[in-house]
Amino acid sequence: MPTAFVAVIRAEQISPDLVADLATGLTGTGARAVRTLGDLTAGPGSGPEDAIAVLIDPPPAGSGQAEQVAAVLGTYTALGAGVVVTSVRPVTDTLKQVGPDAALTGTADREHHRVVAAPLVTRLGLLRSALAAQPQARTAGEILAALVAEGATVVAAG
């Protein structure tokens, strides 16, 4: 299911080695360009407003990121351009419940919780607009909150 998209990474600069790593790691997924978050607010050179953008982190070796990108892209193309699709993963850490007085009250059931993480996919224009409105957004959760503030509907994949 090749779908052309702009890969957006959470980094200040893109080194030639990183571009090569991303190109190798995302072979076959349809990445046509690699940009940083800062590139998106710097000007129109990062692509057309209706292009698909996938926010990713530089993939560590053997990360399975290509499969994660394929999963969010598959969900996005099935639902249409009006959504943001984010990757979710099971919680592996112990989650503690804390009361209003900051006292430990118990342990939460991990089965009812998920971690929101990159990759996430949306229209490039919506991502650009969200980042312009909230330029401090850097984590997947902060970027998702910025996208929701712009009116996006979020759907989980993975």
N, C-alpha and C. Protein backbone atom coordinates (compact mmCIF):
# COMPACT_ATOMS: atom_id res chain seq x y z
N MET A 1 0.82 -1.17 0.00
CA MET A 1 0.00 0.00 0.00
C MET A 1 0.88 1.26 0.00
N PRO A 2 1.59 1.53 -1.07
CA PRO A 2 2.41 2.73 -1.11
C PRO A 2 1.55 3.99 -1.18
N THR A 3 1.76 4.90 -0.25
CA THR A 3 1.09 6.19 -0.22
C THR A 3 2.18 7.23 -0.02
N ALA A 4 2.30 8.18 -0.92
CA ALA A 4 3.35 9.18 -0.80
C ALA A 4 3.06 10.11 0.36
N PHE A 5 4.08 10.40 1.17
CA PHE A 5 3.91 11.29 2.31
C PHE A 5 5.20 12.02 2.58
N VAL A 6 5.08 13.08 3.38
CA VAL A 6 6.23 13.83 3.86
C VAL A 6 6.52 13.33 5.27
N ALA A 7 7.73 12.84 5.51
CA ALA A 7 8.14 12.41 6.84
C ALA A 7 8.59 13.64 7.62
N VAL A 8 8.02 13.84 8.80
CA VAL A 8 8.38 14.97 9.66
C VAL A 8 8.99 14.40 10.92
N ILE A 9 10.21 14.85 11.24
CA ILE A 9 10.87 14.31 12.43
C ILE A 9 10.95 15.39 13.51
N ARG A 10 10.98 14.93 14.76
CA ARG A 10 11.12 15.86 15.88
C ARG A 10 12.59 16.05 16.16
N ALA A 11 13.21 16.90 15.38
CA ALA A 11 14.63 17.21 15.53
C ALA A 11 14.84 18.63 15.03
N GLU A 12 15.91 19.24 15.45
CA GLU A 12 16.19 20.62 15.01
C GLU A 12 16.85 20.65 13.63
N GLN A 13 17.64 19.62 13.33
CA GLN A 13 18.34 19.57 12.05
C GLN A 13 18.28 18.15 11.52
N ILE A 14 18.38 18.04 10.22
CA ILE A 14 18.42 16.72 9.59
C ILE A 14 19.81 16.53 9.01
N SER A 15 20.55 15.61 9.56
CA SER A 15 21.89 15.34 9.04
C SER A 15 21.77 14.42 7.83
N PRO A 16 22.76 14.44 6.94
CA PRO A 16 22.74 13.52 5.80
C PRO A 16 22.65 12.05 6.24
N ASP A 17 23.31 11.73 7.37
CA ASP A 17 23.24 10.36 7.88
C ASP A 17 21.82 9.99 8.30
N LEU A 18 21.13 10.95 8.93
CA LEU A 18 19.75 10.69 9.36
C LEU A 18 18.84 10.48 8.16
N VAL A 19 19.00 11.30 7.14
CA VAL A 19 18.18 11.13 5.92
C VAL A 19 18.44 9.76 5.32
N ALA A 20 19.70 9.36 5.27
CA ALA A 20 20.03 8.03 4.72
C ALA A 20 19.42 6.94 5.59
N ASP A 21 19.51 7.08 6.92
CA ASP A 21 18.91 6.10 7.83
C ASP A 21 17.40 6.01 7.62
N LEU A 22 16.75 7.17 7.50
CA LEU A 22 15.30 7.19 7.30
C LEU A 22 14.93 6.57 5.96
N ALA A 23 15.70 6.89 4.93
CA ALA A 23 15.42 6.33 3.62
C ALA A 23 15.56 4.82 3.64
N THR A 24 16.57 4.32 4.33
CA THR A 24 16.77 2.88 4.43
C THR A 24 15.69 2.25 5.30
N GLY A 25 15.39 2.88 6.43
CA GLY A 25 14.42 2.33 7.38
C GLY A 25 12.99 2.39 6.90
N LEU A 26 12.68 3.32 6.00
CA LEU A 26 11.31 3.48 5.53
C LEU A 26 11.14 3.07 4.07
N THR A 27 12.07 2.29 3.56
CA THR A 27 11.98 1.83 2.18
C THR A 27 10.65 1.14 1.94
N GLY A 28 9.98 1.55 0.88
CA GLY A 28 8.72 0.91 0.53
C GLY A 28 7.50 1.53 1.18
N THR A 29 7.70 2.49 2.11
CA THR A 29 6.54 3.09 2.77
C THR A 29 6.04 4.32 2.04
N GLY A 30 6.78 4.86 1.10
CA GLY A 30 6.30 5.99 0.31
C GLY A 30 6.81 7.34 0.75
N ALA A 31 7.79 7.42 1.66
CA ALA A 31 8.32 8.71 2.08
C ALA A 31 8.95 9.41 0.89
N ARG A 32 8.47 10.60 0.58
CA ARG A 32 9.01 11.33 -0.57
C ARG A 32 9.88 12.50 -0.15
N ALA A 33 9.82 12.89 1.14
CA ALA A 33 10.65 13.97 1.65
C ALA A 33 10.76 13.82 3.16
N VAL A 34 11.82 14.40 3.72
CA VAL A 34 12.02 14.39 5.17
C VAL A 34 12.18 15.84 5.60
N ARG A 35 11.40 16.25 6.59
CA ARG A 35 11.44 17.62 7.11
C ARG A 35 11.50 17.59 8.63
N THR A 36 11.91 18.70 9.24
CA THR A 36 11.85 18.83 10.69
C THR A 36 10.58 19.60 11.05
N LEU A 37 10.22 19.58 12.32
CA LEU A 37 9.07 20.37 12.77
C LEU A 37 9.30 21.85 12.46
N GLY A 38 10.52 22.33 12.68
CA GLY A 38 10.84 23.72 12.40
C GLY A 38 10.66 24.09 10.94
N ASP A 39 10.94 23.15 10.03
CA ASP A 39 10.76 23.40 8.60
C ASP A 39 9.31 23.73 8.27
N LEU A 40 8.38 23.14 9.00
CA LEU A 40 6.97 23.31 8.67
C LEU A 40 6.48 24.72 8.91
N THR A 41 7.02 25.39 9.91
CA THR A 41 6.58 26.75 10.19
C THR A 41 7.45 27.79 9.51
N ALA A 42 8.55 27.35 8.88
CA ALA A 42 9.47 28.29 8.25
C ALA A 42 8.98 28.78 6.89
N GLY A 43 8.10 28.05 6.24
CA GLY A 43 7.64 28.48 4.94
C GLY A 43 6.95 27.38 4.18
N PRO A 44 6.50 27.69 2.96
CA PRO A 44 5.70 26.75 2.18
C PRO A 44 6.51 25.67 1.48
N GLY A 45 7.81 25.63 1.62
CA GLY A 45 8.63 24.70 0.87
C GLY A 45 8.51 23.25 1.29
N SER A 46 7.79 22.96 2.34
CA SER A 46 7.75 21.58 2.83
C SER A 46 6.69 20.73 2.15
N GLY A 47 5.87 21.30 1.31
CA GLY A 47 4.89 20.51 0.59
C GLY A 47 3.52 21.16 0.58
N PRO A 48 2.63 20.67 -0.28
CA PRO A 48 1.28 21.24 -0.38
C PRO A 48 0.45 20.96 0.87
N GLU A 49 -0.49 21.83 1.15
CA GLU A 49 -1.33 21.73 2.35
C GLU A 49 -2.06 20.40 2.46
N ASP A 50 -2.46 19.82 1.34
CA ASP A 50 -3.24 18.58 1.39
C ASP A 50 -2.37 17.32 1.32
N ALA A 51 -1.05 17.50 1.32
CA ALA A 51 -0.16 16.33 1.33
C ALA A 51 -0.30 15.60 2.66
N ILE A 52 -0.02 14.32 2.65
CA ILE A 52 -0.03 13.52 3.88
C ILE A 52 1.30 13.73 4.60
N ALA A 53 1.21 13.98 5.91
CA ALA A 53 2.41 14.14 6.73
C ALA A 53 2.41 13.06 7.79
N VAL A 54 3.55 12.43 7.99
CA VAL A 54 3.71 11.42 9.03
C VAL A 54 4.80 11.89 9.97
N LEU A 55 4.42 12.14 11.23
CA LEU A 55 5.38 12.51 12.26
C LEU A 55 6.04 11.25 12.77
N ILE A 56 7.35 11.21 12.67
CA ILE A 56 8.10 10.03 13.13
C ILE A 56 9.28 10.48 13.96
N ASP A 57 9.85 9.54 14.68
CA ASP A 57 11.11 9.77 15.37
C ASP A 57 12.19 9.05 14.58
N PRO A 58 13.43 9.54 14.64
CA PRO A 58 14.48 8.80 13.95
C PRO A 58 14.46 7.35 14.40
N PRO A 59 14.39 6.42 13.48
CA PRO A 59 14.22 5.02 13.88
C PRO A 59 15.52 4.39 14.38
N PRO A 60 15.50 3.86 15.59
CA PRO A 60 16.65 3.07 16.00
C PRO A 60 16.67 1.76 15.22
N ALA A 61 17.80 1.17 15.08
CA ALA A 61 17.93 -0.07 14.32
C ALA A 61 16.96 -1.12 14.84
N GLY A 62 16.25 -1.75 13.93
CA GLY A 62 15.32 -2.82 14.29
C GLY A 62 14.09 -2.35 15.03
N SER A 63 13.70 -1.07 14.85
CA SER A 63 12.61 -0.51 15.63
C SER A 63 11.23 -0.94 15.16
N GLY A 64 11.12 -1.47 13.95
CA GLY A 64 9.80 -1.82 13.43
C GLY A 64 8.99 -0.59 13.02
N GLN A 65 9.67 0.55 12.86
CA GLN A 65 8.96 1.78 12.55
C GLN A 65 8.27 1.73 11.19
N ALA A 66 8.86 1.05 10.21
CA ALA A 66 8.22 0.96 8.90
C ALA A 66 6.84 0.31 9.01
N GLU A 67 6.74 -0.72 9.86
CA GLU A 67 5.44 -1.38 10.07
C GLU A 67 4.46 -0.45 10.77
N GLN A 68 4.95 0.33 11.73
CA GLN A 68 4.09 1.28 12.44
C GLN A 68 3.60 2.37 11.48
N VAL A 69 4.49 2.86 10.62
CA VAL A 69 4.09 3.86 9.63
C VAL A 69 3.05 3.27 8.69
N ALA A 70 3.26 2.06 8.24
CA ALA A 70 2.28 1.41 7.35
C ALA A 70 0.92 1.27 8.04
N ALA A 71 0.92 0.96 9.34
CA ALA A 71 -0.34 0.80 10.07
C ALA A 71 -1.10 2.11 10.17
N VAL A 72 -0.42 3.22 10.53
CA VAL A 72 -1.14 4.49 10.65
C VAL A 72 -1.57 5.00 9.28
N LEU A 73 -0.74 4.78 8.26
CA LEU A 73 -1.14 5.19 6.90
C LEU A 73 -2.35 4.40 6.42
N GLY A 74 -2.37 3.10 6.71
CA GLY A 74 -3.50 2.28 6.30
C GLY A 74 -4.79 2.75 6.94
N THR A 75 -4.75 3.05 8.22
CA THR A 75 -5.94 3.56 8.91
C THR A 75 -6.34 4.91 8.36
N TYR A 76 -5.38 5.79 8.12
CA TYR A 76 -5.65 7.13 7.61
C TYR A 76 -6.31 7.06 6.23
N THR A 77 -5.77 6.28 5.32
CA THR A 77 -6.33 6.21 3.98
C THR A 77 -7.71 5.55 3.98
N ALA A 78 -7.97 4.66 4.93
CA ALA A 78 -9.29 4.03 5.02
C ALA A 78 -10.34 5.01 5.53
N LEU A 79 -9.92 5.96 6.37
CA LEU A 79 -10.88 6.88 7.00
C LEU A 79 -11.04 8.19 6.24
N GLY A 80 -10.05 8.61 5.50
CA GLY A 80 -10.13 9.88 4.79
C GLY A 80 -9.28 10.94 5.43
N ALA A 81 -9.26 12.09 4.80
CA ALA A 81 -8.33 13.15 5.17
C ALA A 81 -8.76 14.00 6.35
N GLY A 82 -9.90 13.76 6.95
CA GLY A 82 -10.38 14.63 8.01
C GLY A 82 -9.96 14.22 9.40
N VAL A 83 -9.01 13.31 9.54
CA VAL A 83 -8.65 12.80 10.86
C VAL A 83 -7.14 12.88 11.09
N VAL A 84 -6.77 12.66 12.34
CA VAL A 84 -5.38 12.43 12.71
C VAL A 84 -5.33 11.01 13.22
N VAL A 85 -4.43 10.21 12.70
CA VAL A 85 -4.29 8.83 13.17
C VAL A 85 -2.98 8.77 13.95
N THR A 86 -3.06 8.27 15.17
CA THR A 86 -1.88 8.16 16.01
C THR A 86 -1.62 6.71 16.37
N SER A 87 -0.38 6.43 16.62
CA SER A 87 0.03 5.10 17.05
C SER A 87 -0.18 5.00 18.56
N VAL A 88 -0.69 3.89 18.99
CA VAL A 88 -0.82 3.63 20.43
C VAL A 88 -0.15 2.30 20.73
N ARG A 89 0.38 2.22 21.91
CA ARG A 89 1.06 1.00 22.34
C ARG A 89 0.58 0.62 23.73
N PRO A 90 0.70 -0.64 24.07
CA PRO A 90 0.33 -1.04 25.44
C PRO A 90 1.25 -0.39 26.47
N VAL A 91 0.73 -0.17 27.64
CA VAL A 91 1.53 0.33 28.75
C VAL A 91 2.27 -0.85 29.35
N THR A 92 3.57 -0.72 29.52
CA THR A 92 4.35 -1.80 30.10
C THR A 92 4.82 -1.48 31.52
N ASP A 93 4.75 -0.22 31.90
CA ASP A 93 5.15 0.18 33.25
C ASP A 93 3.98 0.01 34.21
N THR A 94 4.29 -0.06 35.48
CA THR A 94 3.25 -0.09 36.51
C THR A 94 2.70 1.32 36.66
N LEU A 95 1.38 1.43 36.64
CA LEU A 95 0.72 2.72 36.80
C LEU A 95 0.13 2.80 38.20
N LYS A 96 0.51 3.83 38.92
CA LYS A 96 0.01 4.01 40.28
C LYS A 96 -1.10 5.06 40.30
N GLN A 97 -2.11 4.82 41.10
CA GLN A 97 -3.18 5.79 41.29
C GLN A 97 -2.82 6.66 42.48
N VAL A 98 -3.07 7.96 42.31
CA VAL A 98 -2.74 8.92 43.35
C VAL A 98 -3.99 9.71 43.68
N GLY A 99 -4.26 9.89 44.97
CA GLY A 99 -5.43 10.63 45.42
C GLY A 99 -5.20 12.12 45.41
N PRO A 100 -6.25 12.90 45.72
CA PRO A 100 -6.14 14.36 45.71
C PRO A 100 -5.10 14.91 46.68
N ASP A 101 -4.79 14.14 47.73
CA ASP A 101 -3.79 14.59 48.70
C ASP A 101 -2.39 14.09 48.34
N ALA A 102 -2.23 13.57 47.12
CA ALA A 102 -0.96 13.05 46.59
C ALA A 102 -0.53 11.75 47.26
N ALA A 103 -1.47 11.09 47.93
CA ALA A 103 -1.15 9.80 48.55
C ALA A 103 -1.43 8.67 47.56
N LEU A 104 -0.60 7.66 47.59
CA LEU A 104 -0.78 6.49 46.73
C LEU A 104 -2.05 5.75 47.15
N THR A 105 -2.94 5.50 46.18
CA THR A 105 -4.22 4.85 46.51
C THR A 105 -4.36 3.47 45.88
N GLY A 106 -3.46 3.11 44.96
CA GLY A 106 -3.56 1.79 44.36
C GLY A 106 -2.78 1.70 43.07
N THR A 107 -3.00 0.60 42.37
CA THR A 107 -2.35 0.35 41.09
C THR A 107 -3.41 0.26 40.01
N ALA A 108 -3.22 0.98 38.92
CA ALA A 108 -4.18 0.97 37.81
C ALA A 108 -3.98 -0.28 36.96
N ASP A 109 -5.05 -0.74 36.36
CA ASP A 109 -5.00 -1.88 35.45
C ASP A 109 -4.44 -1.41 34.11
N ARG A 110 -3.28 -1.92 33.72
CA ARG A 110 -2.64 -1.50 32.47
C ARG A 110 -3.48 -1.82 31.24
N GLU A 111 -4.35 -2.79 31.32
CA GLU A 111 -5.18 -3.16 30.17
C GLU A 111 -6.10 -2.04 29.72
N HIS A 112 -6.37 -1.08 30.59
CA HIS A 112 -7.28 0.02 30.28
C HIS A 112 -6.56 1.30 29.87
N HIS A 113 -5.26 1.22 29.64
CA HIS A 113 -4.47 2.40 29.31
C HIS A 113 -3.58 2.11 28.11
N ARG A 114 -3.26 3.15 27.36
CA ARG A 114 -2.36 3.05 26.22
C ARG A 114 -1.42 4.25 26.21
N VAL A 115 -0.27 4.09 25.57
CA VAL A 115 0.69 5.16 25.38
C VAL A 115 0.50 5.71 23.97
N VAL A 116 0.30 7.01 23.87
CA VAL A 116 0.20 7.68 22.57
C VAL A 116 1.61 8.01 22.12
N ALA A 117 1.95 7.66 20.88
CA ALA A 117 3.33 7.85 20.42
C ALA A 117 3.36 8.12 18.92
N ALA A 118 4.51 8.58 18.46
CA ALA A 118 4.74 8.66 17.02
C ALA A 118 4.91 7.22 16.52
N PRO A 119 4.55 6.92 15.30
CA PRO A 119 4.14 7.85 14.26
C PRO A 119 2.68 8.27 14.37
N LEU A 120 2.42 9.48 13.86
CA LEU A 120 1.06 9.94 13.68
C LEU A 120 0.95 10.56 12.30
N VAL A 121 -0.26 10.51 11.73
CA VAL A 121 -0.45 10.95 10.35
C VAL A 121 -1.64 11.90 10.26
N THR A 122 -1.49 12.93 9.45
CA THR A 122 -2.54 13.90 9.18
C THR A 122 -2.19 14.66 7.90
N ARG A 123 -3.00 15.64 7.56
CA ARG A 123 -2.67 16.51 6.43
C ARG A 123 -1.54 17.46 6.85
N LEU A 124 -0.65 17.74 5.93
CA LEU A 124 0.48 18.62 6.19
C LEU A 124 0.01 20.00 6.62
N GLY A 125 -1.01 20.53 5.97
CA GLY A 125 -1.53 21.86 6.31
C GLY A 125 -2.06 21.93 7.73
N LEU A 126 -2.74 20.88 8.18
CA LEU A 126 -3.27 20.86 9.54
C LEU A 126 -2.13 20.79 10.55
N LEU A 127 -1.13 19.98 10.28
CA LEU A 127 0.03 19.89 11.16
C LEU A 127 0.76 21.22 11.21
N ARG A 128 0.94 21.84 10.07
CA ARG A 128 1.61 23.14 10.00
C ARG A 128 0.83 24.19 10.81
N SER A 129 -0.48 24.20 10.66
CA SER A 129 -1.33 25.15 11.37
C SER A 129 -1.28 24.93 12.88
N ALA A 130 -1.32 23.67 13.31
CA ALA A 130 -1.28 23.34 14.74
C ALA A 130 0.06 23.77 15.34
N LEU A 131 1.13 23.55 14.63
CA LEU A 131 2.46 23.92 15.13
C LEU A 131 2.65 25.44 15.14
N ALA A 132 2.04 26.14 14.20
CA ALA A 132 2.11 27.60 14.21
C ALA A 132 1.35 28.16 15.41
N ALA A 133 0.23 27.53 15.76
CA ALA A 133 -0.57 27.99 16.90
C ALA A 133 0.09 27.63 18.23
N GLN A 134 0.79 26.50 18.28
CA GLN A 134 1.43 26.05 19.51
C GLN A 134 2.87 25.61 19.21
N PRO A 135 3.76 26.57 18.95
CA PRO A 135 5.12 26.24 18.52
C PRO A 135 5.94 25.50 19.57
N GLN A 136 5.53 25.52 20.83
CA GLN A 136 6.26 24.82 21.87
C GLN A 136 5.97 23.32 21.86
N ALA A 137 4.96 22.87 21.12
CA ALA A 137 4.59 21.44 21.09
C ALA A 137 5.72 20.62 20.49
N ARG A 138 6.20 19.61 21.24
CA ARG A 138 7.28 18.76 20.76
C ARG A 138 6.99 17.27 20.95
N THR A 139 6.33 16.91 22.03
CA THR A 139 6.05 15.49 22.25
C THR A 139 4.85 15.08 21.42
N ALA A 140 4.67 13.77 21.24
CA ALA A 140 3.51 13.29 20.49
C ALA A 140 2.22 13.76 21.15
N GLY A 141 2.17 13.73 22.48
CA GLY A 141 0.97 14.18 23.19
C GLY A 141 0.70 15.66 23.00
N GLU A 142 1.74 16.49 23.07
CA GLU A 142 1.58 17.93 22.87
C GLU A 142 1.15 18.25 21.44
N ILE A 143 1.74 17.56 20.48
CA ILE A 143 1.37 17.79 19.08
C ILE A 143 -0.06 17.34 18.83
N LEU A 144 -0.45 16.22 19.44
CA LEU A 144 -1.83 15.77 19.31
C LEU A 144 -2.79 16.79 19.92
N ALA A 145 -2.46 17.34 21.08
CA ALA A 145 -3.30 18.36 21.71
C ALA A 145 -3.41 19.59 20.81
N ALA A 146 -2.31 19.97 20.18
CA ALA A 146 -2.34 21.12 19.26
C ALA A 146 -3.24 20.82 18.06
N LEU A 147 -3.18 19.61 17.55
CA LEU A 147 -4.03 19.22 16.42
C LEU A 147 -5.51 19.22 16.82
N VAL A 148 -5.81 18.73 18.01
CA VAL A 148 -7.20 18.73 18.51
C VAL A 148 -7.68 20.17 18.68
N ALA A 149 -6.82 21.05 19.17
CA ALA A 149 -7.19 22.46 19.32
C ALA A 149 -7.52 23.10 17.98
N GLU A 150 -6.95 22.54 16.91
CA GLU A 150 -7.25 23.02 15.55
C GLU A 150 -8.49 22.38 14.97
N GLY A 151 -9.14 21.50 15.75
CA GLY A 151 -10.39 20.88 15.31
C GLY A 151 -10.26 19.46 14.78
N ALA A 152 -9.09 18.85 14.92
CA ALA A 152 -8.88 17.51 14.39
C ALA A 152 -9.60 16.45 15.22
N THR A 153 -10.01 15.39 14.55
CA THR A 153 -10.55 14.21 15.20
C THR A 153 -9.44 13.18 15.24
N VAL A 154 -9.17 12.59 16.41
CA VAL A 154 -8.06 11.65 16.58
C VAL A 154 -8.58 10.23 16.60
N VAL A 155 -7.91 9.36 15.84
CA VAL A 155 -8.23 7.94 15.78
C VAL A 155 -6.95 7.17 16.11
N ALA A 156 -7.06 6.12 16.90
CA ALA A 156 -5.89 5.33 17.28
C ALA A 156 -5.69 4.16 16.33
N ALA A 157 -4.44 3.84 16.05
CA ALA A 157 -4.08 2.67 15.25
C ALA A 157 -2.99 1.92 15.97
N GLY A 158 -2.99 0.61 15.81
CA GLY A 158 -1.90 -0.17 16.40
C GLY A 158 -2.32 -0.68 17.69
